[in-house]
ModelCIF file with pLDDT and N, C-alpha, C, O atoms, coordinates in Angstrom:
data_MODEL
#
_entry.id   MODEL 
#
_entity.id                         1 
_entity.type                       polymer 
_entity.pdbx_number_of_molecules   1 
#
_entity_poly.entity_id                      1 
_entity_poly.type                           'polypeptide(L)' 
_entity_poly.nstd_linkage                   no 
_entity_poly.nstd_monomer                   no 
_entity_poly.pdbx_seq_one_letter_code       GYGNRLTTDQPMLTQFDHCLVAARSGDHDV 
_entity_poly.pdbx_seq_one_letter_code_can   GYGNRLTTDQPMLTQFDHCLVAARSGDHDV 
_entity_poly.pdbx_strand_id                 A 
#
loop_
_entity_poly_seq.entity_id 
_entity_poly_seq.num 
_entity_poly_seq.mon_id 
_entity_poly_seq.hetero 
1 1  GLY n 
1 2  TYR n 
1 3  GLY n 
1 4  ASN n 
1 5  ARG n 
1 6  LEU n 
1 7  THR n 
1 8  THR n 
1 9  ASP n 
1 10 GLN n 
1 11 PRO n 
1 12 MET n 
1 13 LEU n 
1 14 THR n 
1 15 GLN n 
1 16 PHE n 
1 17 ASP n 
1 18 HIS n 
1 19 CYS n 
1 20 LEU n 
1 21 VAL n 
1 22 ALA n 
1 23 ALA n 
1 24 ARG n 
1 25 SER n 
1 26 GLY n 
1 27 ASP n 
1 28 HIS n 
1 29 ASP n 
1 30 VAL n 
#
_struct_asym.id          A 
_struct_asym.entity_id   1 
#
loop_
_ma_qa_metric.id 
_ma_qa_metric.mode 
_ma_qa_metric.name 
_ma_qa_metric.software_group_id 
_ma_qa_metric.type 
1 global pLDDT . pLDDT 
2 local  pLDDT . pLDDT 
#
_ma_qa_metric_global.metric_id      1 
_ma_qa_metric_global.metric_value   74.33 
_ma_qa_metric_global.model_id       1 
_ma_qa_metric_global.ordinal_id     1 
#
loop_
_ma_qa_metric_local.label_asym_id 
_ma_qa_metric_local.label_comp_id 
_ma_qa_metric_local.label_seq_id 
_ma_qa_metric_local.metric_id 
_ma_qa_metric_local.metric_value 
_ma_qa_metric_local.model_id 
_ma_qa_metric_local.ordinal_id 
A GLY 1  2 55.00 1 1  
A TYR 2  2 50.00 1 2  
A GLY 3  2 49.00 1 3  
A ASN 4  2 58.00 1 4  
A ARG 5  2 64.00 1 5  
A LEU 6  2 68.00 1 6  
A THR 7  2 65.00 1 7  
A THR 8  2 65.00 1 8  
A ASP 9  2 67.00 1 9  
A GLN 10 2 67.00 1 10 
A PRO 11 2 64.00 1 11 
A MET 12 2 69.00 1 12 
A LEU 13 2 71.00 1 13 
A THR 14 2 71.00 1 14 
A GLN 15 2 75.00 1 15 
A PHE 16 2 80.00 1 16 
A ASP 17 2 81.00 1 17 
A HIS 18 2 83.00 1 18 
A CYS 19 2 87.00 1 19 
A LEU 20 2 87.00 1 20 
A VAL 21 2 89.00 1 21 
A ALA 22 2 90.00 1 22 
A ALA 23 2 89.00 1 23 
A ARG 24 2 84.00 1 24 
A SER 25 2 82.00 1 25 
A GLY 26 2 82.00 1 26 
A ASP 27 2 84.00 1 27 
A HIS 28 2 83.00 1 28 
A ASP 29 2 85.00 1 29 
A VAL 30 2 86.00 1 30 
#
loop_
_atom_site.group_PDB 
_atom_site.id 
_atom_site.type_symbol 
_atom_site.label_atom_id 
_atom_site.label_alt_id 
_atom_site.label_comp_id 
_atom_site.label_asym_id 
_atom_site.label_entity_id 
_atom_site.label_seq_id 
_atom_site.pdbx_PDB_ins_code 
_atom_site.Cartn_x 
_atom_site.Cartn_y 
_atom_site.Cartn_z 
_atom_site.occupancy 
_atom_site.B_iso_or_equiv 
_atom_site.pdbx_formal_charge 
_atom_site.auth_seq_id 
_atom_site.auth_comp_id 
_atom_site.auth_asym_id 
_atom_site.auth_atom_id 
_atom_site.pdbx_PDB_model_num 
ATOM 1   N N  . GLY A 1 1  ? 16.558 1.026   -27.395 1.00 55.00 ? 1  GLY A N  1 
ATOM 2   C CA . GLY A 1 1  ? 16.385 2.450   -27.639 1.00 55.00 ? 1  GLY A CA 1 
ATOM 3   C C  . GLY A 1 1  ? 16.234 3.248   -26.377 1.00 55.00 ? 1  GLY A C  1 
ATOM 4   O O  . GLY A 1 1  ? 15.554 2.817   -25.447 1.00 55.00 ? 1  GLY A O  1 
ATOM 5   N N  . TYR A 1 2  ? 16.857 4.411   -26.326 1.00 50.00 ? 2  TYR A N  1 
ATOM 6   C CA . TYR A 1 2  ? 16.823 5.274   -25.149 1.00 50.00 ? 2  TYR A CA 1 
ATOM 7   C C  . TYR A 1 2  ? 15.403 5.715   -24.827 1.00 50.00 ? 2  TYR A C  1 
ATOM 8   O O  . TYR A 1 2  ? 14.705 6.236   -25.697 1.00 50.00 ? 2  TYR A O  1 
ATOM 9   N N  . GLY A 1 3  ? 14.971 5.513   -23.594 1.00 49.00 ? 3  GLY A N  1 
ATOM 10  C CA . GLY A 1 3  ? 13.689 6.007   -23.113 1.00 49.00 ? 3  GLY A CA 1 
ATOM 11  C C  . GLY A 1 3  ? 12.471 5.269   -23.622 1.00 49.00 ? 3  GLY A C  1 
ATOM 12  O O  . GLY A 1 3  ? 11.352 5.710   -23.361 1.00 49.00 ? 3  GLY A O  1 
ATOM 13  N N  . ASN A 1 4  ? 12.630 4.169   -24.335 1.00 58.00 ? 4  ASN A N  1 
ATOM 14  C CA . ASN A 1 4  ? 11.471 3.457   -24.861 1.00 58.00 ? 4  ASN A CA 1 
ATOM 15  C C  . ASN A 1 4  ? 10.628 2.892   -23.734 1.00 58.00 ? 4  ASN A C  1 
ATOM 16  O O  . ASN A 1 4  ? 11.141 2.487   -22.691 1.00 58.00 ? 4  ASN A O  1 
ATOM 17  N N  . ARG A 1 5  ? 9.334  2.873   -23.964 1.00 64.00 ? 5  ARG A N  1 
ATOM 18  C CA . ARG A 1 5  ? 8.390  2.360   -22.979 1.00 64.00 ? 5  ARG A CA 1 
ATOM 19  C C  . ARG A 1 5  ? 7.875  1.003   -23.425 1.00 64.00 ? 5  ARG A C  1 
ATOM 20  O O  . ARG A 1 5  ? 7.795  0.719   -24.620 1.00 64.00 ? 5  ARG A O  1 
ATOM 21  N N  . LEU A 1 6  ? 7.532  0.178   -22.464 1.00 68.00 ? 6  LEU A N  1 
ATOM 22  C CA . LEU A 1 6  ? 7.031  -1.154  -22.746 1.00 68.00 ? 6  LEU A CA 1 
ATOM 23  C C  . LEU A 1 6  ? 5.535  -1.128  -22.995 1.00 68.00 ? 6  LEU A C  1 
ATOM 24  O O  . LEU A 1 6  ? 4.823  -0.235  -22.538 1.00 68.00 ? 6  LEU A O  1 
ATOM 25  N N  . THR A 1 7  ? 5.079  -2.128  -23.729 1.00 65.00 ? 7  THR A N  1 
ATOM 26  C CA . THR A 1 7  ? 3.655  -2.392  -23.807 1.00 65.00 ? 7  THR A CA 1 
ATOM 27  C C  . THR A 1 7  ? 3.333  -3.158  -22.537 1.00 65.00 ? 7  THR A C  1 
ATOM 28  O O  . THR A 1 7  ? 3.673  -4.335  -22.416 1.00 65.00 ? 7  THR A O  1 
ATOM 29  N N  . THR A 1 8  ? 2.674  -2.493  -21.582 1.00 65.00 ? 8  THR A N  1 
ATOM 30  C CA . THR A 1 8  ? 2.564  -3.075  -20.237 1.00 65.00 ? 8  THR A CA 1 
ATOM 31  C C  . THR A 1 8  ? 1.388  -4.019  -20.058 1.00 65.00 ? 8  THR A C  1 
ATOM 32  O O  . THR A 1 8  ? 1.367  -4.779  -19.089 1.00 65.00 ? 8  THR A O  1 
ATOM 33  N N  . ASP A 1 9  ? 0.405  -4.003  -20.957 1.00 67.00 ? 9  ASP A N  1 
ATOM 34  C CA . ASP A 1 9  ? -0.739 -4.889  -20.741 1.00 67.00 ? 9  ASP A CA 1 
ATOM 35  C C  . ASP A 1 9  ? -0.362 -6.351  -20.942 1.00 67.00 ? 9  ASP A C  1 
ATOM 36  O O  . ASP A 1 9  ? -0.851 -7.216  -20.216 1.00 67.00 ? 9  ASP A O  1 
ATOM 37  N N  . GLN A 1 10 ? 0.502  -6.642  -21.918 1.00 67.00 ? 10 GLN A N  1 
ATOM 38  C CA . GLN A 1 10 ? 0.979  -8.005  -22.136 1.00 67.00 ? 10 GLN A CA 1 
ATOM 39  C C  . GLN A 1 10 ? 2.400  -7.956  -22.688 1.00 67.00 ? 10 GLN A C  1 
ATOM 40  O O  . GLN A 1 10 ? 2.592  -8.101  -23.895 1.00 67.00 ? 10 GLN A O  1 
ATOM 41  N N  . PRO A 1 11 ? 3.403  -7.754  -21.825 1.00 64.00 ? 11 PRO A N  1 
ATOM 42  C CA . PRO A 1 11 ? 4.779  -7.727  -22.324 1.00 64.00 ? 11 PRO A CA 1 
ATOM 43  C C  . PRO A 1 11 ? 5.131  -9.039  -23.035 1.00 64.00 ? 11 PRO A C  1 
ATOM 44  O O  . PRO A 1 11 ? 4.867  -10.126 -22.521 1.00 64.00 ? 11 PRO A O  1 
ATOM 45  N N  . MET A 1 12 ? 5.732  -8.918  -24.223 1.00 69.00 ? 12 MET A N  1 
ATOM 46  C CA . MET A 1 12 ? 6.121  -10.102 -24.992 1.00 69.00 ? 12 MET A CA 1 
ATOM 47  C C  . MET A 1 12 ? 7.628  -10.100 -25.202 1.00 69.00 ? 12 MET A C  1 
ATOM 48  O O  . MET A 1 12 ? 8.265  -9.047  -25.182 1.00 69.00 ? 12 MET A O  1 
ATOM 49  N N  . LEU A 1 13 ? 8.183  -11.259 -25.401 1.00 71.00 ? 13 LEU A N  1 
ATOM 50  C CA . LEU A 1 13 ? 9.618  -11.417 -25.567 1.00 71.00 ? 13 LEU A CA 1 
ATOM 51  C C  . LEU A 1 13 ? 10.167 -10.545 -26.694 1.00 71.00 ? 13 LEU A C  1 
ATOM 52  O O  . LEU A 1 13 ? 11.303 -10.076 -26.610 1.00 71.00 ? 13 LEU A O  1 
ATOM 53  N N  . THR A 1 14 ? 9.383  -10.320 -27.743 1.00 71.00 ? 14 THR A N  1 
ATOM 54  C CA . THR A 1 14 ? 9.867  -9.548  -28.893 1.00 71.00 ? 14 THR A CA 1 
ATOM 55  C C  . THR A 1 14 ? 10.114 -8.075  -28.561 1.00 71.00 ? 14 THR A C  1 
ATOM 56  O O  . THR A 1 14 ? 10.757 -7.380  -29.348 1.00 71.00 ? 14 THR A O  1 
ATOM 57  N N  . GLN A 1 15 ? 9.630  -7.584  -27.434 1.00 75.00 ? 15 GLN A N  1 
ATOM 58  C CA . GLN A 1 15 ? 9.875  -6.194  -27.028 1.00 75.00 ? 15 GLN A CA 1 
ATOM 59  C C  . GLN A 1 15 ? 11.291 -5.984  -26.514 1.00 75.00 ? 15 GLN A C  1 
ATOM 60  O O  . GLN A 1 15 ? 11.768 -4.850  -26.477 1.00 75.00 ? 15 GLN A O  1 
ATOM 61  N N  . PHE A 1 16 ? 11.963 -7.039  -26.123 1.00 80.00 ? 16 PHE A N  1 
ATOM 62  C CA . PHE A 1 16 ? 13.213 -6.911  -25.391 1.00 80.00 ? 16 PHE A CA 1 
ATOM 63  C C  . PHE A 1 16 ? 14.420 -7.273  -26.259 1.00 80.00 ? 16 PHE A C  1 
ATOM 64  O O  . PHE A 1 16 ? 14.368 -8.191  -27.078 1.00 80.00 ? 16 PHE A O  1 
ATOM 65  N N  . ASP A 1 17 ? 15.507 -6.524  -26.055 1.00 81.00 ? 17 ASP A N  1 
ATOM 66  C CA . ASP A 1 17 ? 16.732 -6.858  -26.776 1.00 81.00 ? 17 ASP A CA 1 
ATOM 67  C C  . ASP A 1 17 ? 17.979 -6.712  -25.902 1.00 81.00 ? 17 ASP A C  1 
ATOM 68  O O  . ASP A 1 17 ? 19.101 -6.750  -26.407 1.00 81.00 ? 17 ASP A O  1 
ATOM 69  N N  . HIS A 1 18 ? 17.783 -6.546  -24.592 1.00 83.00 ? 18 HIS A N  1 
ATOM 70  C CA . HIS A 1 18 ? 18.923 -6.337  -23.704 1.00 83.00 ? 18 HIS A CA 1 
ATOM 71  C C  . HIS A 1 18 ? 18.528 -6.786  -22.299 1.00 83.00 ? 18 HIS A C  1 
ATOM 72  O O  . HIS A 1 18 ? 17.345 -6.819  -21.962 1.00 83.00 ? 18 HIS A O  1 
ATOM 73  N N  . CYS A 1 19 ? 19.506 -7.123  -21.498 1.00 87.00 ? 19 CYS A N  1 
ATOM 74  C CA . CYS A 1 19 ? 19.231 -7.573  -20.133 1.00 87.00 ? 19 CYS A CA 1 
ATOM 75  C C  . CYS A 1 19 ? 20.261 -6.990  -19.179 1.00 87.00 ? 19 CYS A C  1 
ATOM 76  O O  . CYS A 1 19 ? 21.461 -7.012  -19.453 1.00 87.00 ? 19 CYS A O  1 
ATOM 77  N N  . LEU A 1 20 ? 19.784 -6.471  -18.063 1.00 87.00 ? 20 LEU A N  1 
ATOM 78  C CA . LEU A 1 20 ? 20.630 -5.980  -16.969 1.00 87.00 ? 20 LEU A CA 1 
ATOM 79  C C  . LEU A 1 20 ? 20.462 -6.896  -15.777 1.00 87.00 ? 20 LEU A C  1 
ATOM 80  O O  . LEU A 1 20 ? 19.694 -7.858  -15.815 1.00 87.00 ? 20 LEU A O  1 
ATOM 81  N N  . VAL A 1 21 ? 21.187 -6.587  -14.722 1.00 89.00 ? 21 VAL A N  1 
ATOM 82  C CA . VAL A 1 21 ? 21.035 -7.292  -13.453 1.00 89.00 ? 21 VAL A CA 1 
ATOM 83  C C  . VAL A 1 21 ? 20.634 -6.263  -12.402 1.00 89.00 ? 21 VAL A C  1 
ATOM 84  O O  . VAL A 1 21 ? 21.260 -5.208  -12.293 1.00 89.00 ? 21 VAL A O  1 
ATOM 85  N N  . ALA A 1 22 ? 19.603 -6.563  -11.635 1.00 90.00 ? 22 ALA A N  1 
ATOM 86  C CA . ALA A 1 22 ? 19.212 -5.742  -10.481 1.00 90.00 ? 22 ALA A CA 1 
ATOM 87  C C  . ALA A 1 22 ? 19.667 -6.489  -9.237  1.00 90.00 ? 22 ALA A C  1 
ATOM 88  O O  . ALA A 1 22 ? 19.118 -7.537  -8.898  1.00 90.00 ? 22 ALA A O  1 
ATOM 89  N N  . ALA A 1 23 ? 20.672 -5.943  -8.560  1.00 89.00 ? 23 ALA A N  1 
ATOM 90  C CA . ALA A 1 23 ? 21.189 -6.561  -7.342  1.00 89.00 ? 23 ALA A CA 1 
ATOM 91  C C  . ALA A 1 23 ? 20.683 -5.754  -6.151  1.00 89.00 ? 23 ALA A C  1 
ATOM 92  O O  . ALA A 1 23 ? 20.713 -4.524  -6.170  1.00 89.00 ? 23 ALA A O  1 
ATOM 93  N N  . ARG A 1 24 ? 20.232 -6.434  -5.142  1.00 84.00 ? 24 ARG A N  1 
ATOM 94  C CA . ARG A 1 24 ? 19.670 -5.773  -3.966  1.00 84.00 ? 24 ARG A CA 1 
ATOM 95  C C  . ARG A 1 24 ? 20.797 -5.254  -3.078  1.00 84.00 ? 24 ARG A C  1 
ATOM 96  O O  . ARG A 1 24 ? 21.708 -5.999  -2.717  1.00 84.00 ? 24 ARG A O  1 
ATOM 97  N N  . SER A 1 25 ? 20.725 -3.961  -2.726  1.00 82.00 ? 25 SER A N  1 
ATOM 98  C CA . SER A 1 25 ? 21.689 -3.351  -1.816  1.00 82.00 ? 25 SER A CA 1 
ATOM 99  C C  . SER A 1 25 ? 20.905 -2.566  -0.781  1.00 82.00 ? 25 SER A C  1 
ATOM 100 O O  . SER A 1 25 ? 20.427 -1.465  -1.054  1.00 82.00 ? 25 SER A O  1 
ATOM 101 N N  . GLY A 1 26 ? 20.777 -3.134  0.403   1.00 82.00 ? 26 GLY A N  1 
ATOM 102 C CA . GLY A 1 26 ? 19.969 -2.475  1.435   1.00 82.00 ? 26 GLY A CA 1 
ATOM 103 C C  . GLY A 1 26 ? 18.516 -2.442  1.017   1.00 82.00 ? 26 GLY A C  1 
ATOM 104 O O  . GLY A 1 26 ? 17.901 -3.487  0.807   1.00 82.00 ? 26 GLY A O  1 
ATOM 105 N N  . ASP A 1 27 ? 17.948 -1.215  0.893   1.00 84.00 ? 27 ASP A N  1 
ATOM 106 C CA . ASP A 1 27 ? 16.534 -1.091  0.550   1.00 84.00 ? 27 ASP A CA 1 
ATOM 107 C C  . ASP A 1 27 ? 16.300 -0.684  -0.906  1.00 84.00 ? 27 ASP A C  1 
ATOM 108 O O  . ASP A 1 27 ? 15.183 -0.308  -1.262  1.00 84.00 ? 27 ASP A O  1 
ATOM 109 N N  . HIS A 1 28 ? 17.331 -0.750  -1.752  1.00 83.00 ? 28 HIS A N  1 
ATOM 110 C CA . HIS A 1 28 ? 17.124 -0.390  -3.164  1.00 83.00 ? 28 HIS A CA 1 
ATOM 111 C C  . HIS A 1 28 ? 17.911 -1.316  -4.082  1.00 83.00 ? 28 HIS A C  1 
ATOM 112 O O  . HIS A 1 28 ? 18.837 -2.010  -3.661  1.00 83.00 ? 28 HIS A O  1 
ATOM 113 N N  . ASP A 1 29 ? 17.509 -1.301  -5.353  1.00 85.00 ? 29 ASP A N  1 
ATOM 114 C CA . ASP A 1 29 ? 18.201 -2.096  -6.361  1.00 85.00 ? 29 ASP A CA 1 
ATOM 115 C C  . ASP A 1 29 ? 19.354 -1.304  -6.951  1.00 85.00 ? 29 ASP A C  1 
ATOM 116 O O  . ASP A 1 29 ? 19.238 -0.102  -7.191  1.00 85.00 ? 29 ASP A O  1 
ATOM 117 N N  . VAL A 1 30 ? 20.448 -1.974  -7.180  1.00 86.00 ? 30 VAL A N  1 
ATOM 118 C CA . VAL A 1 30 ? 21.589 -1.424  -7.906  1.00 86.00 ? 30 VAL A CA 1 
ATOM 119 C C  . VAL A 1 30 ? 21.568 -2.116  -9.267  1.00 86.00 ? 30 VAL A C  1 
ATOM 120 O O  . VAL A 1 30 ? 22.427 -1.849  -10.108 1.00 86.00 ? 30 VAL A O  1 
#
């Protein structure tokens, strides 16, 4: 869902339904 926030105190696998890749480019992630 667009803009959804995580439960940050104890993230659980059931919160997630998609995966991206963060590739390092210089000093930031792409």
